[in-house]
Amino acid sequence: MSEIPNLIVNEEFNIASQKDPWFPKRKFSIYDDQQLCRSYLYVAFDADYSPEQKSSGSTFWSKIKEHYRENSIVGSVERHSRALPARWHIISKAVNKYAEIVKQVEKSNEDNPNIDKASDFFY
């Protein structure tokens, strides 16, 4: 399995509220991000999970949270109910930005479009 790059490492992307004593701020690790992506894809493409259930955001995310919890590495941090969708939003924005840059590089008039150039623009 290929490694997913740790897209966001800034402190500002800690999700849990400082006011919430039950969920102190904890950064998502690369393993947390990878598991969130696997859990999202597992639920999104689950044939047993009906489209009606997918349209209900709370049910959809509760299934993702359940899969995430069951498949996370031992010792992972318990996440606030809003942490996973918030983190997914951050990952999704970064992936969409990267995909748009790749698309721009491919459309350029260069003879040999180079994915490395997209990476240079992204980072």
PDB file of N, CA and C in Angstrom:
ATOM      1  N   MET A   1       0.832  -1.173   0.000  1.00  0.00           N
ATOM      2  CA  MET A   1       0.000   0.000   0.000  1.00  0.00           C
ATOM      3  C   MET A   1       0.883   1.245   0.000  1.00  0.00           C
ATOM      4  N   SER A   2       0.565   2.202  -0.836  1.00  0.00           N
ATOM      5  CA  SER A   2       1.383   3.413  -0.893  1.00  0.00           C
ATOM      6  C   SER A   2       1.079   4.317   0.295  1.00  0.00           C
ATOM      7  N   GLU A   3       2.062   5.095   0.664  1.00  0.00           N
ATOM      8  CA  GLU A   3       1.918   6.007   1.789  1.00  0.00           C
ATOM      9  C   GLU A   3       1.111   7.230   1.364  1.00  0.00           C
ATOM     10  N   ILE A   4       0.221   7.678   2.216  1.00  0.00           N
ATOM     11  CA  ILE A   4      -0.517   8.909   1.986  1.00  0.00           C
ATOM     12  C   ILE A   4       0.280  10.023   2.648  1.00  0.00           C
ATOM     13  N   PRO A   5       0.614  11.089   1.921  1.00  0.00           N
ATOM     14  CA  PRO A   5       1.421  12.137   2.543  1.00  0.00           C
ATOM     15  C   PRO A   5       0.655  12.833   3.649  1.00  0.00           C
ATOM     16  N   ASN A   6       1.360  13.241   4.675  1.00  0.00           N
ATOM     17  CA  ASN A   6       0.739  14.000   5.755  1.00  0.00           C
ATOM     18  C   ASN A   6       0.550  15.415   5.239  1.00  0.00           C
ATOM     19  N   LEU A   7      -0.649  15.713   4.775  1.00  0.00           N
ATOM     20  CA  LEU A   7      -0.901  16.947   4.059  1.00  0.00           C
ATOM     21  C   LEU A   7      -0.898  18.183   4.947  1.00  0.00           C
ATOM     22  N   ILE A   8      -1.406  18.051   6.139  1.00  0.00           N
ATOM     23  CA  ILE A   8      -1.560  19.207   7.008  1.00  0.00           C
ATOM     24  C   ILE A   8      -0.844  18.929   8.322  1.00  0.00           C
ATOM     25  N   VAL A   9       0.082  19.778   8.690  1.00  0.00           N
ATOM     26  CA  VAL A   9       0.785  19.579   9.952  1.00  0.00           C
ATOM     27  C   VAL A   9       0.700  20.808  10.856  1.00  0.00           C
ATOM     28  N   ASN A  10      -0.005  21.831  10.451  1.00  0.00           N
ATOM     29  CA  ASN A  10      -0.095  23.057  11.234  1.00  0.00           C
ATOM     30  C   ASN A  10      -0.923  22.852  12.496  1.00  0.00           C
ATOM     31  N   GLU A  11      -0.564  23.575  13.546  1.00  0.00           N
ATOM     32  CA  GLU A  11      -1.269  23.496  14.824  1.00  0.00           C
ATOM     33  C   GLU A  11      -2.738  23.890  14.692  1.00  0.00           C
ATOM     34  N   GLU A  12      -3.047  24.812  13.775  1.00  0.00           N
ATOM     35  CA  GLU A  12      -4.399  25.338  13.683  1.00  0.00           C
ATOM     36  C   GLU A  12      -5.431  24.280  13.293  1.00  0.00           C
ATOM     37  N   PHE A  13      -5.001  23.115  12.849  1.00  0.00           N
ATOM     38  CA  PHE A  13      -5.938  22.114  12.385  1.00  0.00           C
ATOM     39  C   PHE A  13      -6.273  21.070  13.436  1.00  0.00           C
ATOM     40  N   ASN A  14      -5.932  21.316  14.691  1.00  0.00           N
ATOM     41  CA  ASN A  14      -6.424  20.469  15.770  1.00  0.00           C
ATOM     42  C   ASN A  14      -7.914  20.736  15.886  1.00  0.00           C
ATOM     43  N   ILE A  15      -8.708  19.697  15.997  1.00  0.00           N
ATOM     44  CA  ILE A  15     -10.146  19.833  15.841  1.00  0.00           C
ATOM     45  C   ILE A  15     -10.900  20.079  17.150  1.00  0.00           C
ATOM     46  N   ALA A  16     -10.613  19.340  18.190  1.00  0.00           N
ATOM     47  CA  ALA A  16     -11.404  19.428  19.419  1.00  0.00           C
ATOM     48  C   ALA A  16     -11.299  20.813  20.042  1.00  0.00           C
ATOM     49  N   SER A  17     -12.379  21.233  20.636  1.00  0.00           N
ATOM     50  CA  SER A  17     -12.443  22.558  21.247  1.00  0.00           C
ATOM     51  C   SER A  17     -11.620  22.615  22.525  1.00  0.00           C
ATOM     52  N   GLN A  18     -10.975  23.757  22.759  1.00  0.00           N
ATOM     53  CA  GLN A  18     -10.226  23.936  24.000  1.00  0.00           C
ATOM     54  C   GLN A  18     -11.175  23.977  25.193  1.00  0.00           C
ATOM     55  N   LYS A  19     -12.416  24.352  24.964  1.00  0.00           N
ATOM     56  CA  LYS A  19     -13.390  24.462  26.045  1.00  0.00           C
ATOM     57  C   LYS A  19     -13.920  23.101  26.486  1.00  0.00           C
ATOM     58  N   ASP A  20     -13.698  22.083  25.703  1.00  0.00           N
ATOM     59  CA  ASP A  20     -14.230  20.754  25.983  1.00  0.00           C
ATOM     60  C   ASP A  20     -13.186  19.941  26.751  1.00  0.00           C
ATOM     61  N   PRO A  21     -13.348  19.774  28.068  1.00  0.00           N
ATOM     62  CA  PRO A  21     -12.323  19.077  28.852  1.00  0.00           C
ATOM     63  C   PRO A  21     -12.215  17.595  28.538  1.00  0.00           C
ATOM     64  N   TRP A  22     -13.239  17.015  27.933  1.00  0.00           N
ATOM     65  CA  TRP A  22     -13.221  15.577  27.644  1.00  0.00           C
ATOM     66  C   TRP A  22     -12.401  15.261  26.412  1.00  0.00           C
ATOM     67  N   PHE A  23     -12.215  16.228  25.567  1.00  0.00           N
ATOM     68  CA  PHE A  23     -11.487  15.996  24.327  1.00  0.00           C
ATOM     69  C   PHE A  23     -10.393  17.041  24.167  1.00  0.00           C
ATOM     70  N   PRO A  24      -9.261  16.850  24.827  1.00  0.00           N
ATOM     71  CA  PRO A  24      -8.169  17.805  24.663  1.00  0.00           C
ATOM     72  C   PRO A  24      -7.657  17.768  23.224  1.00  0.00           C
ATOM     73  N   LYS A  25      -7.057  18.858  22.799  1.00  0.00           N
ATOM     74  CA  LYS A  25      -6.536  18.915  21.429  1.00  0.00           C
ATOM     75  C   LYS A  25      -5.459  17.864  21.214  1.00  0.00           C
ATOM     76  N   ARG A  26      -5.611  17.099  20.161  1.00  0.00           N
ATOM     77  CA  ARG A  26      -4.603  16.117  19.775  1.00  0.00           C
ATOM     78  C   ARG A  26      -4.528  16.118  18.256  1.00  0.00           C
ATOM     79  N   LYS A  27      -3.334  16.234  17.755  1.00  0.00           N
ATOM     80  CA  LYS A  27      -3.156  16.234  16.305  1.00  0.00           C
ATOM     81  C   LYS A  27      -3.483  14.864  15.732  1.00  0.00           C
ATOM     82  N   PHE A  28      -3.956  14.872  14.502  1.00  0.00           N
ATOM     83  CA  PHE A  28      -4.122  13.631  13.762  1.00  0.00           C
ATOM     84  C   PHE A  28      -2.747  13.225  13.252  1.00  0.00           C
ATOM     85  N   SER A  29      -2.398  11.971  13.457  1.00  0.00           N
ATOM     86  CA  SER A  29      -1.134  11.463  12.927  1.00  0.00           C
ATOM     87  C   SER A  29      -1.355  11.018  11.483  1.00  0.00           C
ATOM     88  N   ILE A  30      -0.285  10.686  10.817  1.00  0.00           N
ATOM     89  CA  ILE A  30      -0.384  10.164   9.457  1.00  0.00           C
ATOM     90  C   ILE A  30      -1.221   8.882   9.444  1.00  0.00           C
ATOM     91  N   TYR A  31      -1.088   8.075  10.486  1.00  0.00           N
ATOM     92  CA  TYR A  31      -1.861   6.829  10.577  1.00  0.00           C
ATOM     93  C   TYR A  31      -3.342   7.129  10.786  1.00  0.00           C
ATOM     94  N   ASP A  32      -3.647   8.155  11.576  1.00  0.00           N
ATOM     95  CA  ASP A  32      -5.040   8.563  11.765  1.00  0.00           C
ATOM     96  C   ASP A  32      -5.641   9.023  10.438  1.00  0.00           C
ATOM     97  N   ASP A  33      -4.882   9.829   9.686  1.00  0.00           N
ATOM     98  CA  ASP A  33      -5.357  10.302   8.384  1.00  0.00           C
ATOM     99  C   ASP A  33      -5.583   9.142   7.421  1.00  0.00           C
ATOM    100  N   GLN A  34      -4.650   8.208   7.398  1.00  0.00           N
ATOM    101  CA  GLN A  34      -4.794   7.050   6.511  1.00  0.00           C
ATOM    102  C   GLN A  34      -6.022   6.230   6.889  1.00  0.00           C
ATOM    103  N   GLN A  35      -6.219   6.009   8.179  1.00  0.00           N
ATOM    104  CA  GLN A  35      -7.368   5.219   8.612  1.00  0.00           C
ATOM    105  C   GLN A  35      -8.671   5.949   8.316  1.00  0.00           C
ATOM    106  N   LEU A  36      -8.690   7.251   8.485  1.00  0.00           N
ATOM    107  CA  LEU A  36      -9.893   8.014   8.155  1.00  0.00           C
ATOM    108  C   LEU A  36     -10.224   7.869   6.672  1.00  0.00           C
ATOM    109  N   CYS A  37      -9.229   7.938   5.818  1.00  0.00           N
ATOM    110  CA  CYS A  37      -9.457   7.760   4.379  1.00  0.00           C
ATOM    111  C   CYS A  37      -9.978   6.359   4.074  1.00  0.00           C
ATOM    112  N   ARG A  38      -9.380   5.346   4.696  1.00  0.00           N
ATOM    113  CA  ARG A  38      -9.856   3.968   4.488  1.00  0.00           C
ATOM    114  C   ARG A  38     -11.295   3.809   4.978  1.00  0.00           C
ATOM    115  N   SER A  39     -11.601   4.364   6.137  1.00  0.00           N
ATOM    116  CA  SER A  39     -12.946   4.238   6.702  1.00  0.00           C
ATOM    117  C   SER A  39     -13.970   4.968   5.841  1.00  0.00           C
ATOM    118  N   TYR A  40     -13.615   6.152   5.369  1.00  0.00           N
ATOM    119  CA  TYR A  40     -14.518   6.914   4.506  1.00  0.00           C
ATOM    120  C   TYR A  40     -14.827   6.120   3.235  1.00  0.00           C
ATOM    121  N   LEU A  41     -13.787   5.606   2.600  1.00  0.00           N
ATOM    122  CA  LEU A  41     -13.986   4.839   1.369  1.00  0.00           C
ATOM    123  C   LEU A  41     -14.762   3.552   1.623  1.00  0.00           C
ATOM    124  N   TYR A  42     -14.494   2.900   2.742  1.00  0.00           N
ATOM    125  CA  TYR A  42     -15.196   1.664   3.078  1.00  0.00           C
ATOM    126  C   TYR A  42     -16.702   1.915   3.168  1.00  0.00           C
ATOM    127  N   VAL A  43     -17.090   2.959   3.881  1.00  0.00           N
ATOM    128  CA  VAL A  43     -18.514   3.256   4.053  1.00  0.00           C
ATOM    129  C   VAL A  43     -19.109   3.806   2.756  1.00  0.00           C
ATOM    130  N   ALA A  44     -18.389   4.674   2.067  1.00  0.00           N
ATOM    131  CA  ALA A  44     -18.911   5.290   0.847  1.00  0.00           C
ATOM    132  C   ALA A  44     -19.184   4.266  -0.253  1.00  0.00           C
ATOM    133  N   PHE A  45     -18.372   3.215  -0.307  1.00  0.00           N
ATOM    134  CA  PHE A  45     -18.536   2.212  -1.361  1.00  0.00           C
ATOM    135  C   PHE A  45     -19.131   0.902  -0.861  1.00  0.00           C
ATOM    136  N   ASP A  46     -19.687   0.907   0.330  1.00  0.00           N
ATOM    137  CA  ASP A  46     -20.296  -0.286   0.912  1.00  0.00           C
ATOM    138  C   ASP A  46     -21.623  -0.572   0.212  1.00  0.00           C
ATOM    139  N   ALA A  47     -21.697  -1.696  -0.490  1.00  0.00           N
ATOM    140  CA  ALA A  47     -22.908  -2.055  -1.230  1.00  0.00           C
ATOM    141  C   ALA A  47     -24.087  -2.325  -0.298  1.00  0.00           C
ATOM    142  N   ASP A  48     -23.817  -2.737   0.940  1.00  0.00           N
ATOM    143  CA  ASP A  48     -24.892  -3.018   1.889  1.00  0.00           C
ATOM    144  C   ASP A  48     -25.450  -1.751   2.530  1.00  0.00           C
ATOM    145  N   TYR A  49     -24.822  -0.640   2.282  1.00  0.00           N
ATOM    146  CA  TYR A  49     -25.204   0.630   2.885  1.00  0.00           C
ATOM    147  C   TYR A  49     -25.992   1.412   1.844  1.00  0.00           C
ATOM    148  N   SER A  50     -27.276   1.602   2.062  1.00  0.00           N
ATOM    149  CA  SER A  50     -28.169   2.162   1.047  1.00  0.00           C
ATOM    150  C   SER A  50     -27.915   3.650   0.790  1.00  0.00           C
ATOM    151  N   PRO A  51     -28.302   4.126  -0.404  1.00  0.00           N
ATOM    152  CA  PRO A  51     -28.156   5.556  -0.712  1.00  0.00           C
ATOM    153  C   PRO A  51     -28.928   6.451   0.262  1.00  0.00           C
ATOM    154  N   GLU A  52     -30.066   5.965   0.769  1.00  0.00           N
ATOM    155  CA  GLU A  52     -30.837   6.751   1.736  1.00  0.00           C
ATOM    156  C   GLU A  52     -30.019   6.974   3.006  1.00  0.00           C
ATOM    157  N   GLN A  53     -29.303   5.935   3.431  1.00  0.00           N
ATOM    158  CA  GLN A  53     -28.471   6.056   4.624  1.00  0.00           C
ATOM    159  C   GLN A  53     -27.306   7.005   4.367  1.00  0.00           C
ATOM    160  N   LYS A  54     -26.767   6.974   3.154  1.00  0.00           N
ATOM    161  CA  LYS A  54     -25.639   7.847   2.827  1.00  0.00           C
ATOM    162  C   LYS A  54     -26.063   9.307   2.805  1.00  0.00           C
ATOM    163  N   SER A  55     -27.335   9.566   2.439  1.00  0.00           N
ATOM    164  CA  SER A  55     -27.794  10.952   2.383  1.00  0.00           C
ATOM    165  C   SER A  55     -28.003  11.537   3.774  1.00  0.00           C
ATOM    166  N   SER A  56     -28.157  10.681   4.770  1.00  0.00           N
ATOM    167  CA  SER A  56     -28.271  11.149   6.150  1.00  0.00           C
ATOM    168  C   SER A  56     -26.866  11.300   6.710  1.00  0.00           C
ATOM    169  N   GLY A  57     -26.401  12.541   6.788  1.00  0.00           N
ATOM    170  CA  GLY A  57     -25.025  12.810   7.191  1.00  0.00           C
ATOM    171  C   GLY A  57     -24.649  12.211   8.528  1.00  0.00           C
ATOM    172  N   SER A  58     -25.549  12.284   9.514  1.00  0.00           N
ATOM    173  CA  SER A  58     -25.197  11.785  10.846  1.00  0.00           C
ATOM    174  C   SER A  58     -25.021  10.272  10.833  1.00  0.00           C
ATOM    175  N   THR A  59     -25.870   9.559  10.104  1.00  0.00           N
ATOM    176  CA  THR A  59     -25.740   8.111  10.011  1.00  0.00           C
ATOM    177  C   THR A  59     -24.467   7.742   9.254  1.00  0.00           C
ATOM    178  N   PHE A  60     -24.210   8.444   8.182  1.00  0.00           N
ATOM    179  CA  PHE A  60     -23.019   8.205   7.375  1.00  0.00           C
ATOM    180  C   PHE A  60     -21.764   8.366   8.227  1.00  0.00           C
ATOM    181  N   TRP A  61     -21.673   9.454   8.962  1.00  0.00           N
ATOM    182  CA  TRP A  61     -20.483   9.699   9.775  1.00  0.00           C
ATOM    183  C   TRP A  61     -20.419   8.805  11.000  1.00  0.00           C
ATOM    184  N   SER A  62     -21.560   8.369  11.517  1.00  0.00           N
ATOM    185  CA  SER A  62     -21.505   7.429  12.643  1.00  0.00           C
ATOM    186  C   SER A  62     -20.948   6.088  12.172  1.00  0.00           C
ATOM    187  N   LYS A  63     -21.277   5.684  10.939  1.00  0.00           N
ATOM    188  CA  LYS A  63     -20.708   4.452  10.370  1.00  0.00           C
ATOM    189  C   LYS A  63     -19.200   4.607  10.151  1.00  0.00           C
ATOM    190  N   ILE A  64     -18.796   5.762   9.664  1.00  0.00           N
ATOM    191  CA  ILE A  64     -17.363   6.010   9.460  1.00  0.00           C
ATOM    192  C   ILE A  64     -16.642   5.974  10.798  1.00  0.00           C
ATOM    193  N   LYS A  65     -17.221   6.631  11.802  1.00  0.00           N
ATOM    194  CA  LYS A  65     -16.586   6.656  13.125  1.00  0.00           C
ATOM    195  C   LYS A  65     -16.469   5.242  13.694  1.00  0.00           C
ATOM    196  N   GLU A  66     -17.510   4.446  13.516  1.00  0.00           N
ATOM    197  CA  GLU A  66     -17.488   3.057  13.997  1.00  0.00           C
ATOM    198  C   GLU A  66     -16.364   2.268  13.310  1.00  0.00           C
ATOM    199  N   HIS A  67     -16.288   2.375  11.982  1.00  0.00           N
ATOM    200  CA  HIS A  67     -15.240   1.669  11.237  1.00  0.00           C
ATOM    201  C   HIS A  67     -13.863   2.184  11.640  1.00  0.00           C
ATOM    202  N   TYR A  68     -13.740   3.486  11.798  1.00  0.00           N
ATOM    203  CA  TYR A  68     -12.474   4.110  12.194  1.00  0.00           C
ATOM    204  C   TYR A  68     -12.026   3.577  13.550  1.00  0.00           C
ATOM    205  N   ARG A  69     -12.940   3.545  14.502  1.00  0.00           N
ATOM    206  CA  ARG A  69     -12.615   3.081  15.857  1.00  0.00           C
ATOM    207  C   ARG A  69     -12.212   1.609  15.847  1.00  0.00           C
ATOM    208  N   GLU A  70     -12.941   0.787  15.102  1.00  0.00           N
ATOM    209  CA  GLU A  70     -12.668  -0.652  15.062  1.00  0.00           C
ATOM    210  C   GLU A  70     -11.349  -0.985  14.363  1.00  0.00           C
ATOM    211  N   ASN A  71     -10.903  -0.126  13.471  1.00  0.00           N
ATOM    212  CA  ASN A  71      -9.728  -0.439  12.654  1.00  0.00           C
ATOM    213  C   ASN A  71      -8.513   0.435  12.930  1.00  0.00           C
ATOM    214  N   SER A  72      -8.613   1.317  13.900  1.00  0.00           N
ATOM    215  CA  SER A  72      -7.469   2.165  14.248  1.00  0.00           C
ATOM    216  C   SER A  72      -6.422   1.347  14.983  1.00  0.00           C
ATOM    217  N   ILE A  73      -5.193   1.839  14.946  1.00  0.00           N
ATOM    218  CA  ILE A  73      -4.117   1.140  15.640  1.00  0.00           C
ATOM    219  C   ILE A  73      -4.331   1.228  17.149  1.00  0.00           C
ATOM    220  N   VAL A  74      -3.782   0.273  17.855  1.00  0.00           N
ATOM    221  CA  VAL A  74      -3.924   0.217  19.307  1.00  0.00           C
ATOM    222  C   VAL A  74      -3.355   1.492  19.914  1.00  0.00           C
ATOM    223  N   GLY A  75      -4.093   2.059  20.846  1.00  0.00           N
ATOM    224  CA  GLY A  75      -3.639   3.266  21.523  1.00  0.00           C
ATOM    225  C   GLY A  75      -4.034   4.555  20.828  1.00  0.00           C
ATOM    226  N   SER A  76      -4.851   4.465  19.777  1.00  0.00           N
ATOM    227  CA  SER A  76      -5.290   5.677  19.091  1.00  0.00           C
ATOM    228  C   SER A  76      -6.186   6.508  19.998  1.00  0.00           C
ATOM    229  N   VAL A  77      -6.208   7.782  19.736  1.00  0.00           N
ATOM    230  CA  VAL A  77      -6.993   8.728  20.525  1.00  0.00           C
ATOM    231  C   VAL A  77      -8.467   8.623  20.157  1.00  0.00           C
ATOM    232  N   GLU A  78      -9.340   8.609  21.159  1.00  0.00           N
ATOM    233  CA  GLU A  78     -10.786   8.675  20.910  1.00  0.00           C
ATOM    234  C   GLU A  78     -11.093  10.083  20.412  1.00  0.00           C
ATOM    235  N   ARG A  79     -11.805  10.197  19.314  1.00  0.00           N
ATOM    236  CA  ARG A  79     -12.072  11.491  18.692  1.00  0.00           C
ATOM    237  C   ARG A  79     -13.480  11.983  19.002  1.00  0.00           C
ATOM    238  N   HIS A  80     -13.617  13.284  19.120  1.00  0.00           N
ATOM    239  CA  HIS A  80     -14.905  13.939  19.306  1.00  0.00           C
ATOM    240  C   HIS A  80     -15.769  13.631  18.085  1.00  0.00           C
ATOM    241  N   SER A  81     -17.089  13.625  18.244  1.00  0.00           N
ATOM    242  CA  SER A  81     -17.980  13.248  17.145  1.00  0.00           C
ATOM    243  C   SER A  81     -17.826  14.154  15.922  1.00  0.00           C
ATOM    244  N   ARG A  82     -17.387  15.388  16.121  1.00  0.00           N
ATOM    245  CA  ARG A  82     -17.214  16.300  14.985  1.00  0.00           C
ATOM    246  C   ARG A  82     -15.805  16.273  14.412  1.00  0.00           C
ATOM    247  N   ALA A  83     -14.896  15.579  15.052  1.00  0.00           N
ATOM    248  CA  ALA A  83     -13.492  15.611  14.625  1.00  0.00           C
ATOM    249  C   ALA A  83     -13.274  14.929  13.275  1.00  0.00           C
ATOM    250  N   LEU A  84     -13.896  13.780  13.062  1.00  0.00           N
ATOM    251  CA  LEU A  84     -13.653  13.055  11.808  1.00  0.00           C
ATOM    252  C   LEU A  84     -14.187  13.807  10.588  1.00  0.00           C
ATOM    253  N   PRO A  85     -15.439  14.309  10.612  1.00  0.00           N
ATOM    254  CA  PRO A  85     -15.886  15.079   9.441  1.00  0.00           C
ATOM    255  C   PRO A  85     -15.063  16.348   9.221  1.00  0.00           C
ATOM    256  N   ALA A  86     -14.643  16.983  10.301  1.00  0.00           N
ATOM    257  CA  ALA A  86     -13.827  18.195  10.166  1.00  0.00           C
ATOM    258  C   ALA A  86     -12.469  17.859   9.549  1.00  0.00           C
ATOM    259  N   ARG A  87     -11.872  16.778   9.995  1.00  0.00           N
ATOM    260  CA  ARG A  87     -10.576  16.377   9.445  1.00  0.00           C
ATOM    261  C   ARG A  87     -10.732  15.953   7.987  1.00  0.00           C
ATOM    262  N   TRP A  88     -11.822  15.228   7.678  1.00  0.00           N
ATOM    263  CA  TRP A  88     -12.064  14.813   6.299  1.00  0.00           C
ATOM    264  C   TRP A  88     -12.179  16.037   5.393  1.00  0.00           C
ATOM    265  N   HIS A  89     -12.816  17.075   5.872  1.00  0.00           N
ATOM    266  CA  HIS A  89     -12.956  18.304   5.094  1.00  0.00           C
ATOM    267  C   HIS A  89     -11.576  18.873   4.752  1.00  0.00           C
ATOM    268  N   ILE A  90     -10.672  18.881   5.712  1.00  0.00           N
ATOM    269  CA  ILE A  90      -9.314  19.389   5.500  1.00  0.00           C
ATOM    270  C   ILE A  90      -8.570  18.522   4.478  1.00  0.00           C
ATOM    271  N   ILE A  91      -8.654  17.209   4.643  1.00  0.00           N
ATOM    272  CA  ILE A  91      -7.985  16.287   3.712  1.00  0.00           C
ATOM    273  C   ILE A  91      -8.562  16.448   2.309  1.00  0.00           C
ATOM    274  N   SER A  92      -9.887  16.514   2.220  1.00  0.00           N
ATOM    275  CA  SER A  92     -10.566  16.635   0.937  1.00  0.00           C
ATOM    276  C   SER A  92     -10.162  17.918   0.209  1.00  0.00           C
ATOM    277  N   LYS A  93     -10.091  19.025   0.932  1.00  0.00           N
ATOM    278  CA  LYS A  93      -9.671  20.291   0.320  1.00  0.00           C
ATOM    279  C   LYS A  93      -8.248  20.186  -0.222  1.00  0.00           C
ATOM    280  N   ALA A  94      -7.358  19.571   0.537  1.00  0.00           N
ATOM    281  CA  ALA A  94      -5.967  19.437   0.104  1.00  0.00           C
ATOM    282  C   ALA A  94      -5.858  18.534  -1.124  1.00  0.00           C
ATOM    283  N   VAL A  95      -6.606  17.443  -1.134  1.00  0.00           N
ATOM    284  CA  VAL A  95      -6.579  16.518  -2.274  1.00  0.00           C
ATOM    285  C   VAL A  95      -7.155  17.199  -3.513  1.00  0.00           C
ATOM    286  N   ASN A  96      -8.252  17.932  -3.349  1.00  0.00           N
ATOM    287  CA  ASN A  96      -8.846  18.645  -4.483  1.00  0.00           C
ATOM    288  C   ASN A  96      -7.896  19.706  -5.038  1.00  0.00           C
ATOM    289  N   LYS A  97      -7.201  20.401  -4.150  1.00  0.00           N
ATOM    290  CA  LYS A  97      -6.222  21.401  -4.579  1.00  0.00           C
ATOM    291  C   LYS A  97      -5.109  20.731  -5.382  1.00  0.00           C
ATOM    292  N   TYR A  98      -4.608  19.615  -4.875  1.00  0.00           N
ATOM    293  CA  TYR A  98      -3.550  18.886  -5.574  1.00  0.00           C
ATOM    294  C   TYR A  98      -4.044  18.401  -6.944  1.00  0.00           C
ATOM    295  N   ALA A  99      -5.251  17.855  -6.997  1.00  0.00           N
ATOM    296  CA  ALA A  99      -5.802  17.355  -8.260  1.00  0.00           C
ATOM    297  C   ALA A  99      -5.959  18.485  -9.273  1.00  0.00           C
ATOM    298  N   GLU A 100      -6.366  19.649  -8.807  1.00  0.00           N
ATOM    299  CA  GLU A 100      -6.508  20.801  -9.702  1.00  0.00           C
ATOM    300  C   GLU A 100      -5.150  21.233 -10.260  1.00  0.00           C
ATOM    301  N   ILE A 101      -4.132  21.209  -9.430  1.00  0.00           N
ATOM    302  CA  ILE A 101      -2.785  21.570  -9.888  1.00  0.00           C
ATOM    303  C   ILE A 101      -2.283  20.558 -10.916  1.00  0.00           C
ATOM    304  N   VAL A 102      -2.501  19.273 -10.658  1.00  0.00           N
ATOM    305  CA  VAL A 102      -2.102  18.234 -11.621  1.00  0.00           C
ATOM    306  C   VAL A 102      -2.815  18.472 -12.950  1.00  0.00           C
ATOM    307  N   LYS A 103      -4.097  18.789 -12.876  1.00  0.00           N
ATOM    308  CA  LYS A 103      -4.885  19.050 -14.081  1.00  0.00           C
ATOM    309  C   LYS A 103      -4.312  20.239 -14.863  1.00  0.00           C
ATOM    310  N   GLN A 104      -3.939  21.297 -14.153  1.00  0.00           N
ATOM    311  CA  GLN A 104      -3.362  22.476 -14.808  1.00  0.00           C
ATOM    312  C   GLN A 104      -2.030  22.143 -15.469  1.00  0.00           C
ATOM    313  N   VAL A 105      -1.211  21.363 -14.792  1.00  0.00           N
ATOM    314  CA  VAL A 105       0.088  20.980 -15.355  1.00  0.00           C
ATOM    315  C   VAL A 105      -0.115  20.134 -16.604  1.00  0.00           C
ATOM    316  N   GLU A 106      -1.067  19.205 -16.552  1.00  0.00           N
ATOM    317  CA  GLU A 106      -1.323  18.340 -17.707  1.00  0.00           C
ATOM    318  C   GLU A 106      -1.856  19.130 -18.894  1.00  0.00           C
ATOM    319  N   LYS A 107      -2.630  20.189 -18.634  1.00  0.00           N
ATOM    320  CA  LYS A 107      -3.197  20.993 -19.717  1.00  0.00           C
ATOM    321  C   LYS A 107      -2.206  22.001 -20.291  1.00  0.00           C
ATOM    322  N   SER A 108      -1.115  22.218 -19.598  1.00  0.00           N
ATOM    323  CA  SER A 108      -0.138  23.199 -20.088  1.00  0.00           C
ATOM    324  C   SER A 108       0.434  22.736 -21.428  1.00  0.00           C
ATOM    325  N   ASN A 109       1.019  23.639 -22.147  1.00  0.00           N
ATOM    326  CA  ASN A 109       1.532  23.341 -23.491  1.00  0.00           C
ATOM    327  C   ASN A 109       2.911  22.718 -23.495  1.00  0.00           C
ATOM    328  N   GLU A 110       3.347  22.217 -22.379  1.00  0.00           N
ATOM    329  CA  GLU A 110       4.659  21.581 -22.326  1.00  0.00           C
ATOM    330  C   GLU A 110       4.622  20.233 -23.045  1.00  0.00           C
ATOM    331  N   ASP A 111       5.763  19.872 -23.611  1.00  0.00           N
ATOM    332  CA  ASP A 111       5.851  18.593 -24.314  1.00  0.00           C
ATOM    333  C   ASP A 111       5.727  17.413 -23.362  1.00  0.00           C
ATOM    334  N   ASN A 112       6.344  17.505 -22.203  1.00  0.00           N
ATOM    335  CA  ASN A 112       6.330  16.409 -21.236  1.00  0.00           C
ATOM    336  C   ASN A 112       5.787  16.892 -19.895  1.00  0.00           C
ATOM    337  N   PRO A 113       4.462  16.830 -19.709  1.00  0.00           N
ATOM    338  CA  PRO A 113       3.934  17.239 -18.406  1.00  0.00           C
ATOM    339  C   PRO A 113       4.544  16.379 -17.304  1.00  0.00           C
ATOM    340  N   ASN A 114       4.878  17.001 -16.229  1.00  0.00           N
ATOM    341  CA  ASN A 114       5.599  16.314 -15.169  1.00  0.00           C
ATOM    342  C   ASN A 114       4.840  16.446 -13.854  1.00  0.00           C
ATOM    343  N   ILE A 115       4.452  15.326 -13.278  1.00  0.00           N
ATOM    344  CA  ILE A 115       3.721  15.325 -12.013  1.00  0.00           C
ATOM    345  C   ILE A 115       4.543  15.978 -10.914  1.00  0.00           C
ATOM    346  N   ASP A 116       5.865  15.866 -10.992  1.00  0.00           N
ATOM    347  CA  ASP A 116       6.714  16.490  -9.974  1.00  0.00           C
ATOM    348  C   ASP A 116       6.515  17.999  -9.935  1.00  0.00           C
ATOM    349  N   LYS A 117       6.219  18.607 -11.084  1.00  0.00           N
ATOM    350  CA  LYS A 117       5.966  20.045 -11.106  1.00  0.00           C
ATOM    351  C   LYS A 117       4.701  20.369 -10.321  1.00  0.00           C
ATOM    352  N   ALA A 118       3.698  19.521 -10.406  1.00  0.00           N
ATOM    353  CA  ALA A 118       2.476  19.730  -9.627  1.00  0.00           C
ATOM    354  C   ALA A 118       2.791  19.660  -8.144  1.00  0.00           C
ATOM    355  N   SER A 119       3.624  18.723  -7.769  1.00  0.00           N
ATOM    356  CA  SER A 119       4.024  18.611  -6.366  1.00  0.00           C
ATOM    357  C   SER A 119       4.764  19.859  -5.913  1.00  0.00           C
ATOM    358  N   ASP A 120       5.613  20.412  -6.792  1.00  0.00           N
ATOM    359  CA  ASP A 120       6.336  21.639  -6.449  1.00  0.00           C
ATOM    360  C   ASP A 120       5.372  22.792  -6.200  1.00  0.00           C
ATOM    361  N   PHE A 121       4.335  22.910  -7.029  1.00  0.00           N
ATOM    362  CA  PHE A 121       3.344  23.966  -6.841  1.00  0.00           C
ATOM    363  C   PHE A 121       2.557  23.757  -5.555  1.00  0.00           C
ATOM    364  N   PHE A 122       2.233  22.511  -5.259  1.00  0.00           N
ATOM    365  CA  PHE A 122       1.391  22.188  -4.101  1.00  0.00           C
ATOM    366  C   PHE A 122       2.100  22.484  -2.795  1.00  0.00           C
ATOM    367  N   TYR A 123       3.341  22.084  -2.696  1.00  0.00           N
ATOM    368  CA  TYR A 123       4.064  22.233  -1.432  1.00  0.00           C
ATOM    369  C   TYR A 123       4.701  23.553  -1.404  1.00  0.00           C
TER     370      TYR A 123
END
